[in-house]
Amino acid sequence: MKKIFAGCLALLSIGLYACKGDTKSSALTHAEYLQAEKSTTVTIEAYIQGKQAWWESDGVGVASFYLQDQDGGYFVYNLPCDKESYDKKLTIGKKIQVTGQKTDWAGEIEIDGLAAGAEATYTILKDKEYVAVPKDVTQDLGTDQLIASQNMAVEFKDMTVLAQSDGVSAFYYKWDNSGKAGDDLYISLTDGENILSACVESYLCDKDTEVYKAVEALQVGDKVDLQGFLYWYEGAQPHVTKVTKKGNIFAKAEGTNSHEEYVKAQNGDSLVIEAFIQAKQAWWENDGVGVASFYLQDNVGGYFAYNLPCTKAEYDNQLTIGKKVKITGAKTSWAGENEIDGLAPGAEATFEVLDDVYLAQPKDITNLLGDPALLALQNMYVKLQGLTVVAKDKDHVVYYKHNNAGVRGDDIYFDVSDGKNTYTFTVESYLCDENTDCYKAVEALKDGEKIDIEGLLYWYNGAQPHVTKVTKSA
């Protein structure tokens, strides 16, 4: 992301003013601005909504601003201005006219005030001040419609904070271009279906601002509303100006067993768990009773629910990926796999679908292969990187298919090496059948290929991940 060199002033809570009657003179409408060719000179008129920073570039005072009119948002970068004008005249809510060269950077449309041969100019207009109410764009996540709100003041509601790649941290500090730790804060969030990367841009909101401190205090699973400007960096990456915490989705109801209690429970013990569905293995009928199997996860570990009684309609429409469910049933184990058996004799399981939604990020376990510590991650969503495909025989056959009885079936087994040991992984056909990309990818593997894998850490006399994604290593 671009780096600039000064402190920040955040949004001010000042009164709202209607835009009716505003004239554009020779300025382009927002639609015309978007349609203008890159590197052409444009003139816009809009209201300052956020002041990113003032600094000096080769001895020239410049600043960056978020602006908005009644139709859309603008970002002006490197606008030449002196420090006094920045502090006292170019204030939040002021309407200004800017003439400069239109550019873009990683998808971010902007006016570059110091574009070669096209230094931008501005005029402060005398219209009434205007501060936009943040637009709720939560429903636009995952759609092409979101880009229409680029650079506007926006709001995302009921988002859940995801873990970073270490599986624990709620945020990370962005490294700058020189390889040193920077001050920008990044968080990942989900609405239950889509993942959003957001940034507290330290020049816009520095370490002393409430939003910066609020993000540093976040925990994985916190449910939040956030406001900011819809900056674009190879996709939506809002610059956050406000975070409101609304609780944590991993909070468990009284009487619910912790993950530690689930692991330590004896076979036959009755348990109550609350966790989030990460994968649906299958639905079938067992002696006329509809049952299904699921992989679930909370912020501590993974669970496997086998034979959970449910109707096909409940399986299809209620027990959906990401949903939090409460399950009461008997603890069992099979070949080292801890699970709740929904049809354990005398202890038929029950479930309740709860409101919260969570999609776990895969935890990298490459360095844990062969380590006893891997057992603590059983049934979690995991990834492994840079593994080598190992042929199963002298004819370089890479995989074979059989079922649990050892006869030919549809489950597909293949071997990989981390350079030290060889491991057998499986694509479980009820989880990923022969029509899935994952299944086809394994059928296409070649001896010696380097691959990355994602899947669920199933246990069968040792770690045997149920693979859900296979890609060639970069």
Protein backbone atom coordinates (compact mmCIF):
# COMPACT_ATOMS: atom_id res chain seq x y z
CA MET A 1 0.00 0.00 0.00
CA LYS A 2 1.18 3.57 -0.60
CA LYS A 3 3.17 5.17 2.16
CA ILE A 4 3.07 8.85 3.03
CA PHE A 5 4.79 10.74 5.78
CA ALA A 6 2.71 12.61 8.31
CA GLY A 7 0.11 12.26 11.09
CA CYS A 8 -3.64 12.33 10.57
CA LEU A 9 -6.89 14.04 11.31
CA ALA A 10 -9.88 11.74 11.45
CA LEU A 11 -13.53 12.40 10.70
CA LEU A 12 -15.20 15.20 12.62
CA SER A 13 -18.77 14.93 13.83
CA ILE A 14 -20.24 18.04 12.28
CA GLY A 15 -23.70 18.73 10.99
CA LEU A 16 -25.06 17.35 7.73
CA TYR A 17 -26.12 19.59 4.92
CA ALA A 18 -28.20 18.76 1.88
CA CYS A 19 -26.55 18.78 -1.53
CA LYS A 20 -29.59 20.01 -3.44
CA GLY A 21 -28.91 22.98 -5.61
CA ASP A 22 -25.17 22.30 -5.89
CA THR A 23 -23.81 23.22 -9.28
CA LYS A 24 -20.97 21.45 -11.01
CA SER A 25 -19.90 24.30 -13.37
CA SER A 26 -17.31 22.68 -15.67
CA ALA A 27 -16.70 19.82 -13.27
CA LEU A 28 -17.44 16.26 -14.29
CA THR A 29 -20.23 14.27 -12.74
CA HIS A 30 -19.12 11.25 -10.76
CA ALA A 31 -20.14 8.96 -13.63
CA GLU A 32 -18.17 11.04 -16.12
CA TYR A 33 -15.16 10.99 -13.80
CA LEU A 34 -15.25 7.18 -13.66
CA GLN A 35 -15.55 6.96 -17.45
CA ALA A 36 -12.67 9.36 -18.13
CA GLU A 37 -9.54 7.77 -19.55
CA LYS A 38 -6.52 7.19 -17.36
CA SER A 39 -3.88 9.98 -17.57
CA THR A 40 -6.41 12.60 -18.73
CA THR A 41 -6.99 15.87 -16.90
CA VAL A 42 -10.26 16.00 -14.99
CA THR A 43 -12.06 18.54 -12.81
CA ILE A 44 -14.23 17.44 -9.90
CA GLU A 45 -16.20 19.20 -7.18
CA ALA A 46 -16.85 17.37 -3.93
CA TYR A 47 -16.76 17.64 -0.13
CA ILE A 48 -13.80 16.67 2.04
CA GLN A 49 -14.73 13.66 4.19
CA GLY A 50 -11.35 12.47 5.44
CA LYS A 51 -7.86 14.01 5.61
CA GLN A 52 -5.22 11.35 5.27
CA ALA A 53 -2.09 13.42 5.81
CA TRP A 54 0.09 16.40 4.90
CA TRP A 55 3.78 15.96 4.12
CA GLU A 56 6.52 17.31 1.91
CA SER A 57 7.46 15.64 -1.36
CA ASP A 58 10.77 16.95 -2.72
CA GLY A 59 10.17 20.21 -0.91
CA VAL A 60 6.57 20.58 -2.09
CA GLY A 61 3.80 20.47 0.53
CA VAL A 62 1.15 17.93 -0.47
CA ALA A 63 -1.81 16.16 1.13
CA SER A 64 -4.30 13.37 0.46
CA PHE A 65 -8.05 13.51 0.94
CA TYR A 66 -11.19 11.44 0.70
CA LEU A 67 -14.00 13.44 -0.93
CA GLN A 68 -17.62 12.72 -1.72
CA ASP A 69 -20.62 14.22 -3.47
CA GLN A 70 -24.20 12.96 -3.68
CA ASP A 71 -23.21 10.36 -6.29
CA GLY A 72 -19.94 8.81 -5.15
CA GLY A 73 -16.48 9.02 -3.66
CA TYR A 74 -13.08 10.35 -4.76
CA PHE A 75 -9.50 10.02 -3.57
CA VAL A 76 -7.05 12.84 -4.20
CA TYR A 77 -3.42 11.95 -3.63
CA ASN A 78 -0.46 14.35 -3.51
CA LEU A 79 -2.58 17.51 -3.79
CA PRO A 80 -0.18 20.50 -3.54
CA CYS A 81 -1.07 22.74 -0.58
CA ASP A 82 0.73 24.50 2.25
CA LYS A 83 0.48 23.31 5.85
CA GLU A 84 -1.60 26.30 7.00
CA SER A 85 -4.19 25.72 4.30
CA TYR A 86 -4.29 22.02 5.16
CA ASP A 87 -4.85 22.77 8.85
CA LYS A 88 -7.22 25.74 8.66
CA LYS A 89 -8.90 25.89 5.25
CA LEU A 90 -9.08 22.37 3.83
CA THR A 91 -11.27 21.17 6.68
CA ILE A 92 -13.76 18.32 6.95
CA GLY A 93 -17.00 19.13 5.14
CA LYS A 94 -15.56 21.85 2.88
CA LYS A 95 -16.47 21.75 -0.80
CA ILE A 96 -13.50 22.06 -3.13
CA GLN A 97 -12.87 21.98 -6.84
CA VAL A 98 -9.85 19.95 -7.92
CA THR A 99 -8.27 19.82 -11.37
CA GLY A 100 -5.64 17.13 -11.93
CA GLN A 101 -4.68 13.96 -13.71
CA LYS A 102 -6.79 10.84 -13.23
CA THR A 103 -4.75 7.74 -12.39
CA ASP A 104 -5.26 4.36 -10.83
CA TRP A 105 -3.12 2.13 -8.61
CA ALA A 106 -3.95 -1.53 -7.93
CA GLY A 107 -7.58 -0.78 -8.78
CA GLU A 108 -7.79 2.42 -6.74
CA ILE A 109 -9.10 5.28 -8.90
CA GLU A 110 -7.62 8.63 -7.88
CA ILE A 111 -6.36 12.04 -8.88
CA ASP A 112 -2.58 12.28 -8.55
CA GLY A 113 -1.70 15.85 -7.65
CA LEU A 114 1.93 15.48 -8.67
CA ALA A 115 1.47 13.52 -11.91
CA ALA A 116 4.32 14.36 -14.27
CA GLY A 117 3.50 17.54 -16.16
CA ALA A 118 0.04 17.84 -14.61
CA GLU A 119 0.37 19.30 -11.11
CA ALA A 120 -3.11 19.53 -9.60
CA THR A 121 -4.78 22.71 -8.39
CA TYR A 122 -7.71 23.30 -6.06
CA THR A 123 -10.22 26.01 -5.19
CA ILE A 124 -12.20 26.15 -1.95
CA LEU A 125 -15.86 26.82 -2.74
CA LYS A 126 -18.35 28.67 -0.59
CA ASP A 127 -21.17 26.14 -0.54
CA LYS A 128 -22.51 24.88 2.77
CA GLU A 129 -20.50 22.11 4.38
CA TYR A 130 -21.51 18.46 3.96
CA VAL A 131 -20.48 15.28 5.79
CA ALA A 132 -21.91 12.06 4.40
CA VAL A 133 -23.63 9.45 6.54
CA PRO A 134 -21.72 6.16 6.05
CA LYS A 135 -23.46 3.96 3.51
CA ASP A 136 -24.25 0.41 4.65
CA VAL A 137 -22.62 -1.81 2.01
CA THR A 138 -22.67 -5.10 3.92
CA GLN A 139 -25.05 -6.68 1.42
CA ASP A 140 -22.72 -5.77 -1.47
CA LEU A 141 -19.87 -7.96 -0.18
CA GLY A 142 -19.00 -10.62 -2.72
CA THR A 143 -20.76 -8.78 -5.56
CA ASP A 144 -19.61 -6.53 -8.38
CA GLN A 145 -21.81 -3.79 -6.92
CA LEU A 146 -19.33 -3.03 -4.12
CA ILE A 147 -16.89 -1.19 -6.37
CA ALA A 148 -19.56 1.43 -7.08
CA SER A 149 -18.99 2.67 -3.51
CA GLN A 150 -15.21 3.01 -3.88
CA ASN A 151 -13.79 5.84 -1.72
CA MET A 152 -17.15 6.60 -0.12
CA ALA A 153 -17.78 6.68 3.62
CA VAL A 154 -19.19 3.20 4.23
CA GLU A 155 -20.28 0.83 6.97
CA PHE A 156 -20.10 -2.95 7.33
CA LYS A 157 -22.35 -4.47 9.99
CA ASP A 158 -22.21 -7.68 12.01
CA MET A 159 -18.77 -8.71 10.77
CA THR A 160 -16.76 -11.36 12.60
CA VAL A 161 -13.01 -11.02 13.21
CA LEU A 162 -11.03 -13.93 11.76
CA ALA A 163 -7.70 -15.32 12.90
CA GLN A 164 -4.56 -14.44 10.98
CA SER A 165 -2.30 -17.09 9.44
CA ASP A 166 -0.93 -18.08 12.86
CA GLY A 167 -4.43 -19.19 13.84
CA VAL A 168 -4.39 -16.98 16.95
CA SER A 169 -3.85 -13.28 16.24
CA ALA A 170 -6.75 -10.98 15.41
CA PHE A 171 -4.58 -8.48 13.51
CA TYR A 172 -1.12 -7.89 12.16
CA TYR A 173 1.12 -4.88 11.55
CA LYS A 174 1.81 -4.35 7.86
CA TRP A 175 5.46 -4.61 6.85
CA ASP A 176 6.63 -1.67 4.79
CA ASN A 177 8.47 -1.81 1.48
CA SER A 178 11.88 -1.84 3.17
CA GLY A 179 11.06 -5.02 5.09
CA LYS A 180 10.55 -3.31 8.43
CA ALA A 181 7.44 -3.59 10.57
CA GLY A 182 5.13 -0.70 9.79
CA ASP A 183 2.30 0.89 11.71
CA ASP A 184 -0.71 0.04 9.54
CA LEU A 185 -3.02 -2.51 11.20
CA TYR A 186 -4.74 -5.20 9.15
CA ILE A 187 -7.68 -7.36 10.13
CA SER A 188 -9.70 -10.01 8.29
CA LEU A 189 -13.45 -10.27 8.76
CA THR A 190 -16.33 -12.35 7.48
CA ASP A 191 -20.06 -11.91 7.06
CA GLY A 192 -20.38 -15.68 7.11
CA GLU A 193 -19.87 -16.10 3.37
CA ASN A 194 -17.28 -13.58 2.23
CA ILE A 195 -13.92 -12.50 3.64
CA LEU A 196 -12.96 -8.83 3.84
CA SER A 197 -9.49 -7.41 4.51
CA ALA A 198 -9.58 -4.04 6.28
CA CYS A 199 -6.85 -1.63 7.32
CA VAL A 200 -6.39 1.02 9.98
CA GLU A 201 -4.18 3.25 7.84
CA SER A 202 -1.79 4.82 10.31
CA TYR A 203 -1.50 8.14 8.44
CA LEU A 204 -5.28 8.47 8.52
CA CYS A 205 -5.78 7.14 12.07
CA ASP A 206 -2.56 6.86 14.06
CA LYS A 207 -1.67 4.97 17.24
CA ASP A 208 -3.31 7.56 19.47
CA THR A 209 -6.77 7.28 17.88
CA GLU A 210 -9.62 5.32 19.40
CA VAL A 211 -10.01 3.11 16.33
CA TYR A 212 -6.34 2.08 16.35
CA LYS A 213 -6.53 1.12 20.02
CA ALA A 214 -9.86 -0.64 19.46
CA VAL A 215 -8.40 -2.84 16.73
CA GLU A 216 -5.35 -3.69 18.86
CA ALA A 217 -7.80 -4.88 21.54
CA LEU A 218 -9.81 -7.13 19.20
CA GLN A 219 -9.96 -10.89 19.69
CA VAL A 220 -10.71 -13.58 17.16
CA GLY A 221 -14.46 -14.11 17.06
CA ASP A 222 -15.40 -10.56 18.05
CA LYS A 223 -18.49 -9.38 16.21
CA VAL A 224 -18.15 -5.77 15.10
CA ASP A 225 -19.60 -2.96 13.04
CA LEU A 226 -16.98 -0.89 11.26
CA GLN A 227 -16.98 2.40 9.40
CA GLY A 228 -14.39 3.87 7.08
CA PHE A 229 -13.55 4.80 3.51
CA LEU A 230 -13.80 2.13 0.83
CA TYR A 231 -10.25 2.19 -0.41
CA TRP A 232 -9.38 -0.31 -3.14
CA TYR A 233 -6.23 -2.39 -3.31
CA GLU A 234 -6.67 -5.32 -5.67
CA GLY A 235 -10.15 -5.51 -4.21
CA ALA A 236 -12.04 -3.84 -1.41
CA GLN A 237 -9.79 -2.88 1.50
CA PRO A 238 -11.56 -0.24 3.59
CA HIS A 239 -9.52 2.27 5.59
CA VAL A 240 -11.25 1.92 8.94
CA THR A 241 -12.13 4.97 11.06
CA LYS A 242 -14.45 3.42 13.66
CA VAL A 243 -14.99 -0.04 15.17
CA THR A 244 -17.89 -0.93 17.45
CA LYS A 245 -17.64 -4.26 19.27
CA LYS A 246 -20.89 -6.22 19.73
CA GLY A 247 -19.74 -9.32 21.61
CA ASN A 248 -17.79 -12.47 20.77
CA ILE A 249 -19.28 -15.37 18.83
CA PHE A 250 -17.17 -17.92 20.70
CA ALA A 251 -18.88 -17.19 24.00
CA LYS A 252 -20.57 -20.40 25.11
CA ALA A 253 -23.82 -20.87 26.98
CA GLU A 254 -23.76 -22.10 30.55
CA GLY A 255 -23.56 -25.87 30.70
CA THR A 256 -21.62 -26.18 27.43
CA ASN A 257 -18.44 -28.25 27.47
CA SER A 258 -15.15 -26.68 26.48
CA HIS A 259 -13.00 -28.20 23.75
CA GLU A 260 -10.61 -29.47 26.43
CA GLU A 261 -13.48 -31.24 28.20
CA TYR A 262 -14.59 -32.75 24.88
CA VAL A 263 -11.11 -34.17 24.25
CA LYS A 264 -10.66 -35.52 27.79
CA ALA A 265 -14.16 -37.04 28.10
CA GLN A 266 -14.44 -40.82 28.25
CA ASN A 267 -16.27 -42.85 25.61
CA GLY A 268 -19.96 -42.87 26.45
CA ASP A 269 -19.90 -39.57 28.36
CA SER A 270 -22.71 -37.19 27.48
CA LEU A 271 -21.46 -33.84 26.14
CA VAL A 272 -22.87 -30.50 25.03
CA ILE A 273 -20.76 -28.65 22.48
CA GLU A 274 -21.18 -25.36 20.62
CA ALA A 275 -19.16 -24.94 17.44
CA PHE A 276 -19.36 -23.84 13.82
CA ILE A 277 -19.90 -26.14 10.85
CA GLN A 278 -16.86 -26.04 8.57
CA ALA A 279 -17.68 -28.97 6.29
CA LYS A 280 -20.66 -31.23 5.62
CA GLN A 281 -19.56 -34.77 4.93
CA ALA A 282 -22.83 -36.39 3.88
CA TRP A 283 -26.51 -37.09 4.61
CA TRP A 284 -27.93 -40.61 4.41
CA GLU A 285 -30.51 -42.88 6.03
CA ASN A 286 -29.54 -45.30 8.78
CA ASP A 287 -32.28 -47.88 9.39
CA GLY A 288 -34.82 -45.33 8.20
CA VAL A 289 -33.41 -42.47 10.30
CA GLY A 290 -31.92 -39.48 8.46
CA VAL A 291 -28.41 -38.74 9.74
CA ALA A 292 -25.43 -36.64 8.69
CA SER A 293 -21.79 -36.03 9.57
CA PHE A 294 -20.08 -32.68 10.06
CA TYR A 295 -16.72 -31.11 10.81
CA LEU A 296 -17.05 -28.27 13.31
CA GLN A 297 -14.65 -25.80 14.89
CA ASP A 298 -14.47 -23.09 17.55
CA ASN A 299 -11.58 -20.80 18.47
CA VAL A 300 -9.75 -23.59 20.30
CA GLY A 301 -10.11 -26.77 18.26
CA GLY A 302 -12.07 -29.06 15.99
CA TYR A 303 -14.94 -31.53 16.40
CA PHE A 304 -16.47 -34.33 14.35
CA ALA A 305 -20.16 -35.17 14.66
CA TYR A 306 -21.08 -38.53 13.14
CA ASN A 307 -24.59 -39.91 12.59
CA LEU A 308 -26.29 -36.70 13.78
CA PRO A 309 -30.04 -37.24 13.34
CA CYS A 310 -31.58 -34.63 11.02
CA THR A 311 -33.97 -34.46 8.11
CA LYS A 312 -32.75 -33.85 4.57
CA ALA A 313 -34.41 -30.42 4.64
CA GLU A 314 -32.59 -29.52 7.87
CA TYR A 315 -29.31 -30.74 6.36
CA ASP A 316 -29.78 -28.70 3.20
CA ASN A 317 -31.32 -25.51 4.57
CA GLN A 318 -30.44 -25.08 8.26
CA LEU A 319 -27.20 -26.95 8.95
CA THR A 320 -25.25 -24.80 6.51
CA ILE A 321 -21.53 -24.06 6.31
CA GLY A 322 -20.46 -21.53 8.94
CA LYS A 323 -23.53 -21.92 11.17
CA LYS A 324 -23.08 -22.24 14.90
CA VAL A 325 -24.82 -25.30 16.32
CA LYS A 326 -25.35 -26.71 19.79
CA ILE A 327 -25.10 -30.51 19.86
CA THR A 328 -25.87 -32.83 22.76
CA GLY A 329 -24.65 -36.39 22.35
CA ALA A 330 -22.33 -39.18 23.49
CA LYS A 331 -18.54 -39.03 23.09
CA THR A 332 -17.01 -41.93 21.18
CA SER A 333 -13.73 -42.64 19.43
CA TRP A 334 -12.71 -44.78 16.47
CA ALA A 335 -9.11 -45.56 15.51
CA GLY A 336 -8.01 -42.46 17.42
CA GLU A 337 -10.69 -40.16 15.98
CA ASN A 338 -12.63 -38.29 18.68
CA GLU A 339 -16.27 -37.76 17.75
CA ILE A 340 -19.83 -37.44 18.90
CA ASP A 341 -21.86 -40.41 17.68
CA GLY A 342 -25.38 -39.20 17.11
CA LEU A 343 -26.83 -42.73 17.23
CA ALA A 344 -24.91 -44.05 20.24
CA PRO A 345 -27.17 -46.63 21.95
CA GLY A 346 -29.46 -44.90 24.45
CA ALA A 347 -27.95 -41.47 23.72
CA GLU A 348 -29.37 -40.25 20.41
CA ALA A 349 -27.95 -36.79 19.75
CA THR A 350 -29.93 -33.59 19.34
CA PHE A 351 -28.98 -30.25 17.82
CA GLU A 352 -30.02 -26.60 17.86
CA VAL A 353 -28.99 -24.09 15.18
CA LEU A 354 -27.79 -20.80 16.72
CA ASP A 355 -27.49 -17.33 15.19
CA ASP A 356 -23.76 -16.77 14.76
CA VAL A 357 -21.69 -17.65 11.69
CA TYR A 358 -17.93 -18.30 11.42
CA LEU A 359 -15.60 -19.59 8.72
CA ALA A 360 -12.20 -20.65 10.01
CA GLN A 361 -9.01 -19.85 8.13
CA PRO A 362 -6.87 -22.95 7.42
CA LYS A 363 -4.06 -23.39 9.95
CA ASP A 364 -0.65 -24.20 8.44
CA ILE A 365 0.55 -27.51 9.94
CA THR A 366 3.38 -28.24 7.49
CA ASN A 367 6.01 -28.04 10.21
CA LEU A 368 3.98 -30.24 12.57
CA LEU A 369 3.84 -33.35 10.38
CA GLY A 370 5.14 -36.23 12.46
CA ASP A 371 4.93 -34.20 15.67
CA PRO A 372 2.71 -35.53 18.53
CA ALA A 373 1.46 -31.93 18.96
CA LEU A 374 -0.56 -32.42 15.78
CA LEU A 375 -3.13 -34.45 17.70
CA ALA A 376 -4.35 -31.29 19.46
CA LEU A 377 -5.45 -29.95 16.06
CA GLN A 378 -7.56 -33.00 15.19
CA ASN A 379 -10.59 -32.19 12.98
CA MET A 380 -9.50 -28.59 12.38
CA TYR A 381 -9.35 -26.94 8.96
CA VAL A 382 -5.66 -27.06 8.00
CA LYS A 383 -3.23 -26.50 5.16
CA LEU A 384 0.12 -28.00 4.19
CA GLN A 385 2.54 -26.46 1.72
CA GLY A 386 5.36 -27.61 -0.53
CA LEU A 387 4.74 -31.37 -0.22
CA THR A 388 6.09 -33.79 -2.83
CA VAL A 389 3.85 -36.40 -4.44
CA VAL A 390 5.29 -39.90 -3.97
CA ALA A 391 4.35 -42.75 -6.31
CA LYS A 392 2.83 -45.81 -4.69
CA ASP A 393 4.60 -48.37 -6.89
CA LYS A 394 7.44 -48.86 -9.38
CA ASP A 395 5.07 -48.02 -12.24
CA HIS A 396 4.70 -44.48 -10.81
CA VAL A 397 1.03 -44.98 -9.94
CA VAL A 398 0.21 -42.02 -7.68
CA TYR A 399 -3.09 -43.01 -6.07
CA TYR A 400 -5.45 -45.87 -5.43
CA LYS A 401 -9.10 -46.10 -4.48
CA HIS A 402 -10.71 -48.25 -1.84
CA ASN A 403 -13.17 -48.03 1.05
CA ASN A 404 -12.80 -48.63 4.78
CA ALA A 405 -13.17 -52.38 4.29
CA GLY A 406 -10.04 -52.39 2.16
CA VAL A 407 -11.81 -53.22 -1.10
CA ARG A 408 -12.10 -51.02 -4.13
CA GLY A 409 -14.28 -47.97 -3.50
CA ASP A 410 -14.47 -44.30 -4.31
CA ASP A 411 -12.21 -42.83 -1.62
CA ILE A 412 -8.93 -41.81 -3.24
CA TYR A 413 -5.63 -42.24 -1.37
CA PHE A 414 -2.26 -40.73 -2.26
CA ASP A 415 1.16 -40.33 -0.62
CA VAL A 416 3.18 -37.17 -0.05
CA SER A 417 6.55 -36.41 1.50
CA ASP A 418 7.76 -33.41 3.49
CA GLY A 419 11.38 -34.40 2.80
CA LYS A 420 11.62 -36.43 5.98
CA ASN A 421 8.71 -38.87 6.00
CA THR A 422 5.94 -40.09 3.74
CA TYR A 423 2.28 -39.67 4.68
CA THR A 424 -0.98 -40.99 3.25
CA PHE A 425 -3.81 -38.53 2.67
CA THR A 426 -7.31 -39.17 1.39
CA VAL A 427 -10.03 -37.47 -0.58
CA GLU A 428 -13.12 -38.80 1.20
CA SER A 429 -15.66 -39.34 -1.57
CA TYR A 430 -18.67 -38.41 0.57
CA LEU A 431 -17.00 -35.09 1.41
CA CYS A 432 -15.54 -34.42 -2.07
CA ASP A 433 -16.95 -36.74 -4.72
CA GLU A 434 -15.59 -37.56 -8.16
CA ASN A 435 -17.17 -34.43 -9.67
CA THR A 436 -15.29 -31.99 -7.43
CA ASP A 437 -12.17 -30.06 -8.43
CA CYS A 438 -10.32 -31.62 -5.52
CA TYR A 439 -11.00 -35.20 -6.61
CA LYS A 440 -10.06 -34.47 -10.20
CA ALA A 441 -6.87 -32.70 -9.10
CA VAL A 442 -5.67 -35.79 -7.24
CA GLU A 443 -6.47 -38.03 -10.21
CA ALA A 444 -4.25 -35.73 -12.31
CA LEU A 445 -1.24 -35.75 -9.93
CA LYS A 446 2.19 -36.76 -11.18
CA ASP A 447 5.00 -38.44 -9.28
CA GLY A 448 7.38 -35.81 -7.89
CA GLU A 449 5.03 -32.83 -8.22
CA LYS A 450 5.09 -30.18 -5.50
CA ILE A 451 1.63 -29.43 -4.12
CA ASP A 452 -0.21 -27.45 -1.45
CA ILE A 453 -3.16 -29.01 0.34
CA GLU A 454 -6.14 -27.86 2.39
CA GLY A 455 -8.51 -30.10 4.29
CA LEU A 456 -9.86 -31.37 7.61
CA LEU A 457 -7.46 -33.10 10.00
CA TYR A 458 -9.21 -36.43 10.34
CA TRP A 459 -7.51 -39.14 12.42
CA TYR A 460 -7.22 -42.81 11.49
CA ASN A 461 -4.47 -44.48 13.50
CA GLY A 462 -2.63 -41.22 13.01
CA ALA A 463 -3.13 -38.03 11.04
CA GLN A 464 -4.94 -38.66 7.75
CA PRO A 465 -6.35 -35.36 6.50
CA HIS A 466 -9.53 -35.45 4.47
CA VAL A 467 -8.35 -33.26 1.61
CA THR A 468 -10.68 -30.62 0.14
CA LYS A 469 -8.29 -28.64 -2.07
CA VAL A 470 -5.10 -29.43 -4.00
CA THR A 471 -3.02 -26.88 -5.91
CA LYS A 472 0.46 -26.92 -7.40
CA SER A 473 3.00 -25.15 -5.22
CA ALA A 474 4.17 -21.75 -6.44
